[in-house]
Amino acid sequence: MEHDNRTIGDVIHDARARLNLSLRDVTKKLDITPSYLSDIENNRRVPSEEKLSKLANFLHLDYDDLMARAGRFGEDAVRYMMRTPAAGVLLRRLAEGKASDKTVEKLLNLADREIGAKKEPLK
């Protein structure tokens, strides 16, 4: 996995530009205002899970990646961490130890195998 330091705004803007879509093209399709999308692209706003999902689908982006860049875990993940404190401990230890991308990728792939996730492997 290659480390990518782009912000959520950068990723969304780059995808929109790659698809040759104007700000208004996207906002009309997703029923949001141009100022709202501009705020997202300029990292002044963090969209809801629902808006992230719509943006991901429309711009052909990975929803999980957008959620992570937005600093969101999702309601299911938050409930899971509340019921399974070890999950929160694991995340804190990875962060405090500044785990490498390679370590995180290994753990993610292990988790996918253990639960039978149908996700594409990270690159």
PDB file of N, CA and C in Angstrom:
ATOM      1  N   MET A   1       0.854  -1.168   0.000  1.00  0.00           N
ATOM      2  CA  MET A   1       0.000   0.000   0.000  1.00  0.00           C
ATOM      3  C   MET A   1       0.901   1.232   0.000  1.00  0.00           C
ATOM      4  N   GLU A   2       0.659   2.142  -0.894  1.00  0.00           N
ATOM      5  CA  GLU A   2       1.429   3.372  -0.988  1.00  0.00           C
ATOM      6  C   GLU A   2       0.780   4.415  -0.082  1.00  0.00           C
ATOM      7  N   HIS A   3       1.620   5.088   0.709  1.00  0.00           N
ATOM      8  CA  HIS A   3       1.100   6.103   1.621  1.00  0.00           C
ATOM      9  C   HIS A   3       0.624   7.310   0.827  1.00  0.00           C
ATOM     10  N   ASP A   4      -0.587   7.739   1.066  1.00  0.00           N
ATOM     11  CA  ASP A   4      -1.212   8.835   0.335  1.00  0.00           C
ATOM     12  C   ASP A   4      -1.679   9.870   1.356  1.00  0.00           C
ATOM     13  N   ASN A   5      -1.029  11.004   1.398  1.00  0.00           N
ATOM     14  CA  ASN A   5      -1.338  12.032   2.383  1.00  0.00           C
ATOM     15  C   ASN A   5      -2.386  13.038   1.926  1.00  0.00           C
ATOM     16  N   ARG A   6      -3.041  12.765   0.807  1.00  0.00           N
ATOM     17  CA  ARG A   6      -4.052  13.716   0.345  1.00  0.00           C
ATOM     18  C   ARG A   6      -5.212  13.774   1.327  1.00  0.00           C
ATOM     19  N   THR A   7      -5.824  14.937   1.418  1.00  0.00           N
ATOM     20  CA  THR A   7      -7.007  15.106   2.258  1.00  0.00           C
ATOM     21  C   THR A   7      -8.245  14.595   1.522  1.00  0.00           C
ATOM     22  N   ILE A   8      -9.340  14.489   2.247  1.00  0.00           N
ATOM     23  CA  ILE A   8     -10.590  14.073   1.609  1.00  0.00           C
ATOM     24  C   ILE A   8     -10.971  15.066   0.509  1.00  0.00           C
ATOM     25  N   GLY A   9     -10.749  16.355   0.773  1.00  0.00           N
ATOM     26  CA  GLY A   9     -11.047  17.373  -0.238  1.00  0.00           C
ATOM     27  C   GLY A   9     -10.216  17.198  -1.493  1.00  0.00           C
ATOM     28  N   ASP A  10      -8.930  16.887  -1.303  1.00  0.00           N
ATOM     29  CA  ASP A  10      -8.047  16.656  -2.453  1.00  0.00           C
ATOM     30  C   ASP A  10      -8.530  15.468  -3.281  1.00  0.00           C
ATOM     31  N   VAL A  11      -8.883  14.385  -2.606  1.00  0.00           N
ATOM     32  CA  VAL A  11      -9.311  13.162  -3.297  1.00  0.00           C
ATOM     33  C   VAL A  11     -10.587  13.417  -4.102  1.00  0.00           C
ATOM     34  N   ILE A  12     -11.535  14.098  -3.493  1.00  0.00           N
ATOM     35  CA  ILE A  12     -12.805  14.375  -4.174  1.00  0.00           C
ATOM     36  C   ILE A  12     -12.569  15.330  -5.350  1.00  0.00           C
ATOM     37  N   HIS A  13     -11.795  16.372  -5.131  1.00  0.00           N
ATOM     38  CA  HIS A  13     -11.495  17.314  -6.211  1.00  0.00           C
ATOM     39  C   HIS A  13     -10.772  16.618  -7.362  1.00  0.00           C
ATOM     40  N   ASP A  14      -9.762  15.807  -7.035  1.00  0.00           N
ATOM     41  CA  ASP A  14      -8.999  15.102  -8.075  1.00  0.00           C
ATOM     42  C   ASP A  14      -9.894  14.158  -8.874  1.00  0.00           C
ATOM     43  N   ALA A  15     -10.811  13.473  -8.191  1.00  0.00           N
ATOM     44  CA  ALA A  15     -11.719  12.553  -8.888  1.00  0.00           C
ATOM     45  C   ALA A  15     -12.661  13.319  -9.804  1.00  0.00           C
ATOM     46  N   ARG A  16     -13.159  14.439  -9.313  1.00  0.00           N
ATOM     47  CA  ARG A  16     -14.056  15.264 -10.131  1.00  0.00           C
ATOM     48  C   ARG A  16     -13.317  15.771 -11.372  1.00  0.00           C
ATOM     49  N   ALA A  17     -12.086  16.224 -11.186  1.00  0.00           N
ATOM     50  CA  ALA A  17     -11.293  16.721 -12.314  1.00  0.00           C
ATOM     51  C   ALA A  17     -10.973  15.585 -13.290  1.00  0.00           C
ATOM     52  N   ARG A  18     -10.629  14.401 -12.745  1.00  0.00           N
ATOM     53  CA  ARG A  18     -10.306  13.242 -13.592  1.00  0.00           C
ATOM     54  C   ARG A  18     -11.502  12.872 -14.478  1.00  0.00           C
ATOM     55  N   LEU A  19     -12.712  13.044 -13.941  1.00  0.00           N
ATOM     56  CA  LEU A  19     -13.921  12.721 -14.696  1.00  0.00           C
ATOM     57  C   LEU A  19     -14.406  13.908 -15.537  1.00  0.00           C
ATOM     58  N   ASN A  20     -13.635  15.007 -15.496  1.00  0.00           N
ATOM     59  CA  ASN A  20     -13.968  16.198 -16.257  1.00  0.00           C
ATOM     60  C   ASN A  20     -15.360  16.735 -15.905  1.00  0.00           C
ATOM     61  N   LEU A  21     -15.670  16.761 -14.618  1.00  0.00           N
ATOM     62  CA  LEU A  21     -16.954  17.256 -14.134  1.00  0.00           C
ATOM     63  C   LEU A  21     -16.765  18.585 -13.425  1.00  0.00           C
ATOM     64  N   SER A  22     -17.668  19.503 -13.677  1.00  0.00           N
ATOM     65  CA  SER A  22     -17.621  20.778 -12.962  1.00  0.00           C
ATOM     66  C   SER A  22     -18.241  20.595 -11.578  1.00  0.00           C
ATOM     67  N   LEU A  23     -18.002  21.569 -10.735  1.00  0.00           N
ATOM     68  CA  LEU A  23     -18.610  21.568  -9.403  1.00  0.00           C
ATOM     69  C   LEU A  23     -20.128  21.465  -9.537  1.00  0.00           C
ATOM     70  N   ARG A  24     -20.676  22.231 -10.450  1.00  0.00           N
ATOM     71  CA  ARG A  24     -22.138  22.238 -10.634  1.00  0.00           C
ATOM     72  C   ARG A  24     -22.663  20.908 -11.211  1.00  0.00           C
ATOM     73  N   ASP A  25     -21.883  20.254 -12.062  1.00  0.00           N
ATOM     74  CA  ASP A  25     -22.291  18.938 -12.588  1.00  0.00           C
ATOM     75  C   ASP A  25     -22.547  17.972 -11.429  1.00  0.00           C
ATOM     76  N   VAL A  26     -21.613  17.953 -10.493  1.00  0.00           N
ATOM     77  CA  VAL A  26     -21.708  17.025  -9.365  1.00  0.00           C
ATOM     78  C   VAL A  26     -22.841  17.420  -8.434  1.00  0.00           C
ATOM     79  N   THR A  27     -22.938  18.709  -8.142  1.00  0.00           N
ATOM     80  CA  THR A  27     -23.945  19.137  -7.166  1.00  0.00           C
ATOM     81  C   THR A  27     -25.374  18.952  -7.679  1.00  0.00           C
ATOM     82  N   LYS A  28     -25.564  19.125  -8.973  1.00  0.00           N
ATOM     83  CA  LYS A  28     -26.905  18.896  -9.534  1.00  0.00           C
ATOM     84  C   LYS A  28     -27.305  17.431  -9.392  1.00  0.00           C
ATOM     85  N   LYS A  29     -26.371  16.540  -9.700  1.00  0.00           N
ATOM     86  CA  LYS A  29     -26.661  15.099  -9.629  1.00  0.00           C
ATOM     87  C   LYS A  29     -26.896  14.627  -8.197  1.00  0.00           C
ATOM     88  N   LEU A  30     -26.173  15.225  -7.238  1.00  0.00           N
ATOM     89  CA  LEU A  30     -26.253  14.751  -5.855  1.00  0.00           C
ATOM     90  C   LEU A  30     -27.178  15.596  -4.986  1.00  0.00           C
ATOM     91  N   ASP A  31     -27.797  16.608  -5.591  1.00  0.00           N
ATOM     92  CA  ASP A  31     -28.739  17.467  -4.873  1.00  0.00           C
ATOM     93  C   ASP A  31     -28.093  18.104  -3.642  1.00  0.00           C
ATOM     94  N   ILE A  32     -26.910  18.697  -3.868  1.00  0.00           N
ATOM     95  CA  ILE A  32     -26.249  19.483  -2.832  1.00  0.00           C
ATOM     96  C   ILE A  32     -25.864  20.816  -3.459  1.00  0.00           C
ATOM     97  N   THR A  33     -25.537  21.783  -2.646  1.00  0.00           N
ATOM     98  CA  THR A  33     -25.204  23.099  -3.182  1.00  0.00           C
ATOM     99  C   THR A  33     -23.733  23.154  -3.599  1.00  0.00           C
ATOM    100  N   PRO A  34     -23.434  23.993  -4.588  1.00  0.00           N
ATOM    101  CA  PRO A  34     -22.041  24.156  -4.980  1.00  0.00           C
ATOM    102  C   PRO A  34     -21.150  24.631  -3.826  1.00  0.00           C
ATOM    103  N   SER A  35     -21.687  25.494  -2.974  1.00  0.00           N
ATOM    104  CA  SER A  35     -20.877  25.983  -1.847  1.00  0.00           C
ATOM    105  C   SER A  35     -20.555  24.851  -0.871  1.00  0.00           C
ATOM    106  N   TYR A  36     -21.500  23.918  -0.695  1.00  0.00           N
ATOM    107  CA  TYR A  36     -21.262  22.783   0.199  1.00  0.00           C
ATOM    108  C   TYR A  36     -20.136  21.896  -0.347  1.00  0.00           C
ATOM    109  N   LEU A  37     -20.177  21.578  -1.644  1.00  0.00           N
ATOM    110  CA  LEU A  37     -19.126  20.759  -2.239  1.00  0.00           C
ATOM    111  C   LEU A  37     -17.791  21.500  -2.225  1.00  0.00           C
ATOM    112  N   SER A  38     -17.823  22.794  -2.490  1.00  0.00           N
ATOM    113  CA  SER A  38     -16.596  23.584  -2.432  1.00  0.00           C
ATOM    114  C   SER A  38     -15.992  23.541  -1.023  1.00  0.00           C
ATOM    115  N   ASP A  39     -16.843  23.645  -0.006  1.00  0.00           N
ATOM    116  CA  ASP A  39     -16.368  23.548   1.384  1.00  0.00           C
ATOM    117  C   ASP A  39     -15.733  22.187   1.657  1.00  0.00           C
ATOM    118  N   ILE A  40     -16.309  21.118   1.120  1.00  0.00           N
ATOM    119  CA  ILE A  40     -15.740  19.776   1.289  1.00  0.00           C
ATOM    120  C   ILE A  40     -14.375  19.710   0.597  1.00  0.00           C
ATOM    121  N   GLU A  41     -14.321  20.165  -0.646  1.00  0.00           N
ATOM    122  CA  GLU A  41     -13.079  20.105  -1.416  1.00  0.00           C
ATOM    123  C   GLU A  41     -11.978  20.963  -0.800  1.00  0.00           C
ATOM    124  N   ASN A  42     -12.368  22.004  -0.077  1.00  0.00           N
ATOM    125  CA  ASN A  42     -11.392  22.885   0.569  1.00  0.00           C
ATOM    126  C   ASN A  42     -11.217  22.550   2.052  1.00  0.00           C
ATOM    127  N   ASN A  43     -11.708  21.381   2.441  1.00  0.00           N
ATOM    128  CA  ASN A  43     -11.535  20.849   3.803  1.00  0.00           C
ATOM    129  C   ASN A  43     -12.094  21.762   4.894  1.00  0.00           C
ATOM    130  N   ARG A  44     -13.188  22.446   4.556  1.00  0.00           N
ATOM    131  CA  ARG A  44     -13.864  23.273   5.556  1.00  0.00           C
ATOM    132  C   ARG A  44     -15.068  22.561   6.162  1.00  0.00           C
ATOM    133  N   ARG A  45     -15.481  21.455   5.528  1.00  0.00           N
ATOM    134  CA  ARG A  45     -16.618  20.670   6.012  1.00  0.00           C
ATOM    135  C   ARG A  45     -16.314  19.199   5.851  1.00  0.00           C
ATOM    136  N   VAL A  46     -16.896  18.404   6.763  1.00  0.00           N
ATOM    137  CA  VAL A  46     -16.805  16.945   6.661  1.00  0.00           C
ATOM    138  C   VAL A  46     -18.215  16.442   6.383  1.00  0.00           C
ATOM    139  N   PRO A  47     -18.418  15.804   5.249  1.00  0.00           N
ATOM    140  CA  PRO A  47     -19.768  15.345   4.896  1.00  0.00           C
ATOM    141  C   PRO A  47     -20.230  14.177   5.766  1.00  0.00           C
ATOM    142  N   SER A  48     -21.534  14.015   5.813  1.00  0.00           N
ATOM    143  CA  SER A  48     -22.143  12.893   6.540  1.00  0.00           C
ATOM    144  C   SER A  48     -21.810  11.585   5.825  1.00  0.00           C
ATOM    145  N   GLU A  49     -22.058  10.479   6.509  1.00  0.00           N
ATOM    146  CA  GLU A  49     -21.835   9.163   5.892  1.00  0.00           C
ATOM    147  C   GLU A  49     -22.659   9.025   4.615  1.00  0.00           C
ATOM    148  N   GLU A  50     -23.894   9.505   4.651  1.00  0.00           N
ATOM    149  CA  GLU A  50     -24.776   9.406   3.485  1.00  0.00           C
ATOM    150  C   GLU A  50     -24.202  10.184   2.298  1.00  0.00           C
ATOM    151  N   LYS A  51     -23.731  11.400   2.543  1.00  0.00           N
ATOM    152  CA  LYS A  51     -23.157  12.210   1.460  1.00  0.00           C
ATOM    153  C   LYS A  51     -21.851  11.590   0.959  1.00  0.00           C
ATOM    154  N   LEU A  52     -21.043  11.034   1.884  1.00  0.00           N
ATOM    155  CA  LEU A  52     -19.813  10.369   1.466  1.00  0.00           C
ATOM    156  C   LEU A  52     -20.109   9.192   0.556  1.00  0.00           C
ATOM    157  N   SER A  53     -21.141   8.444   0.895  1.00  0.00           N
ATOM    158  CA  SER A  53     -21.531   7.295   0.084  1.00  0.00           C
ATOM    159  C   SER A  53     -21.939   7.737  -1.321  1.00  0.00           C
ATOM    160  N   LYS A  54     -22.738   8.794  -1.390  1.00  0.00           N
ATOM    161  CA  LYS A  54     -23.175   9.309  -2.699  1.00  0.00           C
ATOM    162  C   LYS A  54     -21.994   9.825  -3.510  1.00  0.00           C
ATOM    163  N   LEU A  55     -21.093  10.564  -2.852  1.00  0.00           N
ATOM    164  CA  LEU A  55     -19.908  11.069  -3.549  1.00  0.00           C
ATOM    165  C   LEU A  55     -19.040   9.919  -4.048  1.00  0.00           C
ATOM    166  N   ALA A  56     -18.833   8.921  -3.201  1.00  0.00           N
ATOM    167  CA  ALA A  56     -18.012   7.768  -3.583  1.00  0.00           C
ATOM    168  C   ALA A  56     -18.601   7.075  -4.805  1.00  0.00           C
ATOM    169  N   ASN A  57     -19.882   6.816  -4.779  1.00  0.00           N
ATOM    170  CA  ASN A  57     -20.522   6.134  -5.909  1.00  0.00           C
ATOM    171  C   ASN A  57     -20.448   6.966  -7.184  1.00  0.00           C
ATOM    172  N   PHE A  58     -20.778   8.233  -7.090  1.00  0.00           N
ATOM    173  CA  PHE A  58     -20.832   9.083  -8.270  1.00  0.00           C
ATOM    174  C   PHE A  58     -19.451   9.322  -8.867  1.00  0.00           C
ATOM    175  N   LEU A  59     -18.428   9.474  -8.006  1.00  0.00           N
ATOM    176  CA  LEU A  59     -17.079   9.789  -8.481  1.00  0.00           C
ATOM    177  C   LEU A  59     -16.185   8.553  -8.608  1.00  0.00           C
ATOM    178  N   HIS A  60     -16.773   7.373  -8.407  1.00  0.00           N
ATOM    179  CA  HIS A  60     -16.033   6.103  -8.522  1.00  0.00           C
ATOM    180  C   HIS A  60     -14.849   6.055  -7.540  1.00  0.00           C
ATOM    181  N   LEU A  61     -15.149   6.398  -6.293  1.00  0.00           N
ATOM    182  CA  LEU A  61     -14.142   6.388  -5.236  1.00  0.00           C
ATOM    183  C   LEU A  61     -14.468   5.301  -4.221  1.00  0.00           C
ATOM    184  N   ASP A  62     -13.476   4.915  -3.447  1.00  0.00           N
ATOM    185  CA  ASP A  62     -13.663   3.902  -2.412  1.00  0.00           C
ATOM    186  C   ASP A  62     -14.272   4.550  -1.175  1.00  0.00           C
ATOM    187  N   TYR A  63     -15.452   4.074  -0.799  1.00  0.00           N
ATOM    188  CA  TYR A  63     -16.183   4.626   0.350  1.00  0.00           C
ATOM    189  C   TYR A  63     -15.367   4.503   1.633  1.00  0.00           C
ATOM    190  N   ASP A  64     -14.744   3.355   1.869  1.00  0.00           N
ATOM    191  CA  ASP A  64     -13.950   3.168   3.083  1.00  0.00           C
ATOM    192  C   ASP A  64     -12.807   4.170   3.153  1.00  0.00           C
ATOM    193  N   ASP A  65     -12.175   4.428   2.021  1.00  0.00           N
ATOM    194  CA  ASP A  65     -11.085   5.395   1.985  1.00  0.00           C
ATOM    195  C   ASP A  65     -11.602   6.792   2.324  1.00  0.00           C
ATOM    196  N   LEU A  66     -12.736   7.181   1.762  1.00  0.00           N
ATOM    197  CA  LEU A  66     -13.301   8.497   2.067  1.00  0.00           C
ATOM    198  C   LEU A  66     -13.674   8.603   3.537  1.00  0.00           C
ATOM    199  N   MET A  67     -14.268   7.554   4.073  1.00  0.00           N
ATOM    200  CA  MET A  67     -14.630   7.568   5.500  1.00  0.00           C
ATOM    201  C   MET A  67     -13.392   7.778   6.356  1.00  0.00           C
ATOM    202  N   ALA A  68     -12.320   7.076   6.037  1.00  0.00           N
ATOM    203  CA  ALA A  68     -11.091   7.199   6.822  1.00  0.00           C
ATOM    204  C   ALA A  68     -10.519   8.611   6.704  1.00  0.00           C
ATOM    205  N   ARG A  69     -10.489   9.137   5.493  1.00  0.00           N
ATOM    206  CA  ARG A  69      -9.953  10.488   5.305  1.00  0.00           C
ATOM    207  C   ARG A  69     -10.805  11.541   6.000  1.00  0.00           C
ATOM    208  N   ALA A  70     -12.096  11.249   6.169  1.00  0.00           N
ATOM    209  CA  ALA A  70     -12.997  12.178   6.858  1.00  0.00           C
ATOM    210  C   ALA A  70     -12.902  12.029   8.372  1.00  0.00           C
ATOM    211  N   GLY A  71     -12.160  11.014   8.824  1.00  0.00           N
ATOM    212  CA  GLY A  71     -12.056  10.789  10.261  1.00  0.00           C
ATOM    213  C   GLY A  71     -13.310  10.168  10.843  1.00  0.00           C
ATOM    214  N   ARG A  72     -14.062   9.505   9.983  1.00  0.00           N
ATOM    215  CA  ARG A  72     -15.306   8.858  10.432  1.00  0.00           C
ATOM    216  C   ARG A  72     -15.096   7.350  10.491  1.00  0.00           C
ATOM    217  N   PHE A  73     -15.711   6.741  11.484  1.00  0.00           N
ATOM    218  CA  PHE A  73     -15.650   5.293  11.616  1.00  0.00           C
ATOM    219  C   PHE A  73     -16.917   4.633  11.111  1.00  0.00           C
ATOM    220  N   GLY A  74     -18.015   5.334  11.158  1.00  0.00           N
ATOM    221  CA  GLY A  74     -19.304   4.763  10.805  1.00  0.00           C
ATOM    222  C   GLY A  74     -20.004   4.276  12.059  1.00  0.00           C
ATOM    223  N   GLU A  75     -21.308   4.343  12.036  1.00  0.00           N
ATOM    224  CA  GLU A  75     -22.101   3.988  13.219  1.00  0.00           C
ATOM    225  C   GLU A  75     -21.862   2.552  13.674  1.00  0.00           C
ATOM    226  N   ASP A  76     -21.784   1.619  12.735  1.00  0.00           N
ATOM    227  CA  ASP A  76     -21.567   0.215  13.110  1.00  0.00           C
ATOM    228  C   ASP A  76     -20.222   0.032  13.807  1.00  0.00           C
ATOM    229  N   ALA A  77     -19.193   0.689  13.299  1.00  0.00           N
ATOM    230  CA  ALA A  77     -17.860   0.559  13.896  1.00  0.00           C
ATOM    231  C   ALA A  77     -17.826   1.167  15.292  1.00  0.00           C
ATOM    232  N   VAL A  78     -18.472   2.296  15.466  1.00  0.00           N
ATOM    233  CA  VAL A  78     -18.512   2.931  16.793  1.00  0.00           C
ATOM    234  C   VAL A  78     -19.222   2.021  17.780  1.00  0.00           C
ATOM    235  N   ARG A  79     -20.358   1.455  17.372  1.00  0.00           N
ATOM    236  CA  ARG A  79     -21.083   0.525  18.268  1.00  0.00           C
ATOM    237  C   ARG A  79     -20.219  -0.692  18.590  1.00  0.00           C
ATOM    238  N   TYR A  80     -19.494  -1.206  17.594  1.00  0.00           N
ATOM    239  CA  TYR A  80     -18.627  -2.354  17.805  1.00  0.00           C
ATOM    240  C   TYR A  80     -17.532  -2.025  18.819  1.00  0.00           C
ATOM    241  N   MET A  81     -16.904  -0.864  18.676  1.00  0.00           N
ATOM    242  CA  MET A  81     -15.842  -0.489  19.616  1.00  0.00           C
ATOM    243  C   MET A  81     -16.391  -0.294  21.023  1.00  0.00           C
ATOM    244  N   MET A  82     -17.629   0.137  21.137  1.00  0.00           N
ATOM    245  CA  MET A  82     -18.234   0.306  22.462  1.00  0.00           C
ATOM    246  C   MET A  82     -18.495  -1.055  23.110  1.00  0.00           C
ATOM    247  N   ARG A  83     -18.841  -2.048  22.298  1.00  0.00           N
ATOM    248  CA  ARG A  83     -19.104  -3.401  22.815  1.00  0.00           C
ATOM    249  C   ARG A  83     -17.829  -4.220  22.945  1.00  0.00           C
ATOM    250  N   THR A  84     -16.788  -3.830  22.190  1.00  0.00           N
ATOM    251  CA  THR A  84     -15.542  -4.586  22.160  1.00  0.00           C
ATOM    252  C   THR A  84     -14.387  -3.617  22.395  1.00  0.00           C
ATOM    253  N   PRO A  85     -14.132  -3.263  23.654  1.00  0.00           N
ATOM    254  CA  PRO A  85     -13.100  -2.267  23.946  1.00  0.00           C
ATOM    255  C   PRO A  85     -11.725  -2.607  23.374  1.00  0.00           C
ATOM    256  N   ALA A  86     -11.407  -3.881  23.216  1.00  0.00           N
ATOM    257  CA  ALA A  86     -10.096  -4.254  22.668  1.00  0.00           C
ATOM    258  C   ALA A  86      -9.896  -3.669  21.265  1.00  0.00           C
ATOM    259  N   ALA A  87     -10.972  -3.474  20.520  1.00  0.00           N
ATOM    260  CA  ALA A  87     -10.855  -2.892  19.185  1.00  0.00           C
ATOM    261  C   ALA A  87     -10.343  -1.453  19.277  1.00  0.00           C
ATOM    262  N   GLY A  88     -10.857  -0.701  20.221  1.00  0.00           N
ATOM    263  CA  GLY A  88     -10.383   0.666  20.433  1.00  0.00           C
ATOM    264  C   GLY A  88      -8.940   0.692  20.919  1.00  0.00           C
ATOM    265  N   VAL A  89      -8.598  -0.262  21.796  1.00  0.00           N
ATOM    266  CA  VAL A  89      -7.226  -0.361  22.294  1.00  0.00           C
ATOM    267  C   VAL A  89      -6.279  -0.637  21.126  1.00  0.00           C
ATOM    268  N   LEU A  90      -6.664  -1.551  20.246  1.00  0.00           N
ATOM    269  CA  LEU A  90      -5.835  -1.879  19.088  1.00  0.00           C
ATOM    270  C   LEU A  90      -5.593  -0.641  18.229  1.00  0.00           C
ATOM    271  N   LEU A  91      -6.641   0.102  17.953  1.00  0.00           N
ATOM    272  CA  LEU A  91      -6.513   1.298  17.132  1.00  0.00           C
ATOM    273  C   LEU A  91      -5.594   2.323  17.805  1.00  0.00           C
ATOM    274  N   ARG A  92      -5.776   2.530  19.103  1.00  0.00           N
ATOM    275  CA  ARG A  92      -4.914   3.470  19.825  1.00  0.00           C
ATOM    276  C   ARG A  92      -3.456   3.023  19.791  1.00  0.00           C
ATOM    277  N   ARG A  93      -3.209   1.723  19.979  1.00  0.00           N
ATOM    278  CA  ARG A  93      -1.828   1.230  19.960  1.00  0.00           C
ATOM    279  C   ARG A  93      -1.189   1.408  18.595  1.00  0.00           C
ATOM    280  N   LEU A  94      -1.961   1.166  17.539  1.00  0.00           N
ATOM    281  CA  LEU A  94      -1.434   1.371  16.192  1.00  0.00           C
ATOM    282  C   LEU A  94      -1.062   2.844  15.990  1.00  0.00           C
ATOM    283  N   ALA A  95      -1.922   3.726  16.473  1.00  0.00           N
ATOM    284  CA  ALA A  95      -1.676   5.162  16.318  1.00  0.00           C
ATOM    285  C   ALA A  95      -0.498   5.613  17.180  1.00  0.00           C
ATOM    286  N   GLU A  96      -0.493   5.202  18.434  1.00  0.00           N
ATOM    287  CA  GLU A  96       0.579   5.626  19.342  1.00  0.00           C
ATOM    288  C   GLU A  96       1.936   5.090  18.906  1.00  0.00           C
ATOM    289  N   GLY A  97       1.946   3.887  18.359  1.00  0.00           N
ATOM    290  CA  GLY A  97       3.187   3.284  17.897  1.00  0.00           C
ATOM    291  C   GLY A  97       3.560   3.692  16.489  1.00  0.00           C
ATOM    292  N   LYS A  98       2.718   4.552  15.898  1.00  0.00           N
ATOM    293  CA  LYS A  98       2.950   4.991  14.515  1.00  0.00           C
ATOM    294  C   LYS A  98       3.221   3.799  13.603  1.00  0.00           C
ATOM    295  N   ALA A  99       2.288   2.849  13.657  1.00  0.00           N
ATOM    296  CA  ALA A  99       2.418   1.628  12.857  1.00  0.00           C
ATOM    297  C   ALA A  99       2.595   1.976  11.384  1.00  0.00           C
ATOM    298  N   SER A 100       3.436   1.219  10.738  1.00  0.00           N
ATOM    299  CA  SER A 100       3.699   1.458   9.309  1.00  0.00           C
ATOM    300  C   SER A 100       2.478   1.073   8.477  1.00  0.00           C
ATOM    301  N   ASP A 101       2.450   1.589   7.268  1.00  0.00           N
ATOM    302  CA  ASP A 101       1.375   1.222   6.336  1.00  0.00           C
ATOM    303  C   ASP A 101       1.371  -0.287   6.103  1.00  0.00           C
ATOM    304  N   LYS A 102       2.555  -0.870   6.045  1.00  0.00           N
ATOM    305  CA  LYS A 102       2.664  -2.309   5.805  1.00  0.00           C
ATOM    306  C   LYS A 102       2.029  -3.094   6.956  1.00  0.00           C
ATOM    307  N   THR A 103       2.277  -2.665   8.184  1.00  0.00           N
ATOM    308  CA  THR A 103       1.683  -3.337   9.351  1.00  0.00           C
ATOM    309  C   THR A 103       0.170  -3.218   9.318  1.00  0.00           C
ATOM    310  N   VAL A 104      -0.318  -2.041   9.045  1.00  0.00           N
ATOM    311  CA  VAL A 104      -1.771  -1.823   8.996  1.00  0.00           C
ATOM    312  C   VAL A 104      -2.384  -2.663   7.888  1.00  0.00           C
ATOM    313  N   GLU A 105      -1.736  -2.717   6.728  1.00  0.00           N
ATOM    314  CA  GLU A 105      -2.241  -3.523   5.610  1.00  0.00           C
ATOM    315  C   GLU A 105      -2.306  -5.000   5.997  1.00  0.00           C
ATOM    316  N   LYS A 106      -1.273  -5.507   6.669  1.00  0.00           N
ATOM    317  CA  LYS A 106      -1.276  -6.909   7.110  1.00  0.00           C
ATOM    318  C   LYS A 106      -2.439  -7.184   8.049  1.00  0.00           C
ATOM    319  N   LEU A 107      -2.658  -6.294   9.008  1.00  0.00           N
ATOM    320  CA  LEU A 107      -3.758  -6.482   9.959  1.00  0.00           C
ATOM    321  C   LEU A 107      -5.113  -6.409   9.260  1.00  0.00           C
ATOM    322  N   LEU A 108      -5.232  -5.497   8.332  1.00  0.00           N
ATOM    323  CA  LEU A 108      -6.485  -5.367   7.584  1.00  0.00           C
ATOM    324  C   LEU A 108      -6.755  -6.619   6.751  1.00  0.00           C
ATOM    325  N   ASN A 109      -5.739  -7.110   6.079  1.00  0.00           N
ATOM    326  CA  ASN A 109      -5.904  -8.331   5.283  1.00  0.00           C
ATOM    327  C   ASN A 109      -6.235  -9.526   6.166  1.00  0.00           C
ATOM    328  N   LEU A 110      -5.604  -9.616   7.340  1.00  0.00           N
ATOM    329  CA  LEU A 110      -5.913 -10.681   8.294  1.00  0.00           C
ATOM    330  C   LEU A 110      -7.377 -10.586   8.740  1.00  0.00           C
ATOM    331  N   ALA A 111      -7.801  -9.388   9.062  1.00  0.00           N
ATOM    332  CA  ALA A 111      -9.191  -9.192   9.490  1.00  0.00           C
ATOM    333  C   ALA A 111     -10.152  -9.597   8.371  1.00  0.00           C
ATOM    334  N   ASP A 112      -9.845  -9.204   7.143  1.00  0.00           N
ATOM    335  CA  ASP A 112     -10.704  -9.566   6.013  1.00  0.00           C
ATOM    336  C   ASP A 112     -10.804 -11.080   5.862  1.00  0.00           C
ATOM    337  N   ARG A 113      -9.675 -11.775   6.015  1.00  0.00           N
ATOM    338  CA  ARG A 113      -9.693 -13.249   5.911  1.00  0.00           C
ATOM    339  C   ARG A 113     -10.489 -13.861   7.062  1.00  0.00           C
ATOM    340  N   GLU A 114     -10.308 -13.358   8.263  1.00  0.00           N
ATOM    341  CA  GLU A 114     -10.967 -13.909   9.447  1.00  0.00           C
ATOM    342  C   GLU A 114     -12.489 -13.776   9.386  1.00  0.00           C
ATOM    343  N   ILE A 115     -12.965 -12.665   8.878  1.00  0.00           N
ATOM    344  CA  ILE A 115     -14.417 -12.445   8.854  1.00  0.00           C
ATOM    345  C   ILE A 115     -15.023 -12.738   7.492  1.00  0.00           C
ATOM    346  N   GLY A 116     -14.170 -13.123   6.546  1.00  0.00           N
ATOM    347  CA  GLY A 116     -14.686 -13.454   5.214  1.00  0.00           C
ATOM    348  C   GLY A 116     -15.160 -12.241   4.449  1.00  0.00           C
ATOM    349  N   ALA A 117     -14.529 -11.098   4.688  1.00  0.00           N
ATOM    350  CA  ALA A 117     -14.935  -9.866   4.006  1.00  0.00           C
ATOM    351  C   ALA A 117     -14.738 -10.000   2.508  1.00  0.00           C
ATOM    352  N   LYS A 118     -15.602  -9.383   1.780  1.00  0.00           N
ATOM    353  CA  LYS A 118     -15.551  -9.413   0.318  1.00  0.00           C
ATOM    354  C   LYS A 118     -15.015  -8.092  -0.218  1.00  0.00           C
ATOM    355  N   LYS A 119     -13.959  -7.588   0.404  1.00  0.00           N
ATOM    356  CA  LYS A 119     -13.370  -6.326  -0.020  1.00  0.00           C
ATOM    357  C   LYS A 119     -12.200  -6.609  -0.930  1.00  0.00           C
ATOM    358  N   GLU A 120     -11.904  -5.644  -1.806  1.00  0.00           N
ATOM    359  CA  GLU A 120     -10.716  -5.772  -2.645  1.00  0.00           C
ATOM    360  C   GLU A 120      -9.494  -5.481  -1.790  1.00  0.00           C
ATOM    361  N   PRO A 121      -8.402  -6.192  -2.013  1.00  0.00           N
ATOM    362  CA  PRO A 121      -7.187  -5.945  -1.226  1.00  0.00           C
ATOM    363  C   PRO A 121      -6.668  -4.531  -1.480  1.00  0.00           C
ATOM    364  N   LEU A 122      -6.086  -3.951  -0.456  1.00  0.00           N
ATOM    365  CA  LEU A 122      -5.495  -2.614  -0.600  1.00  0.00           C
ATOM    366  C   LEU A 122      -4.241  -2.709  -1.439  1.00  0.00           C
ATOM    367  N   LYS A 123      -3.953  -1.656  -2.169  1.00  0.00           N
ATOM    368  CA  LYS A 123      -2.764  -1.631  -3.023  1.00  0.00           C
ATOM    369  C   LYS A 123      -1.783  -0.623  -2.506  1.00  0.00           C
TER     370      LYS A 123
END
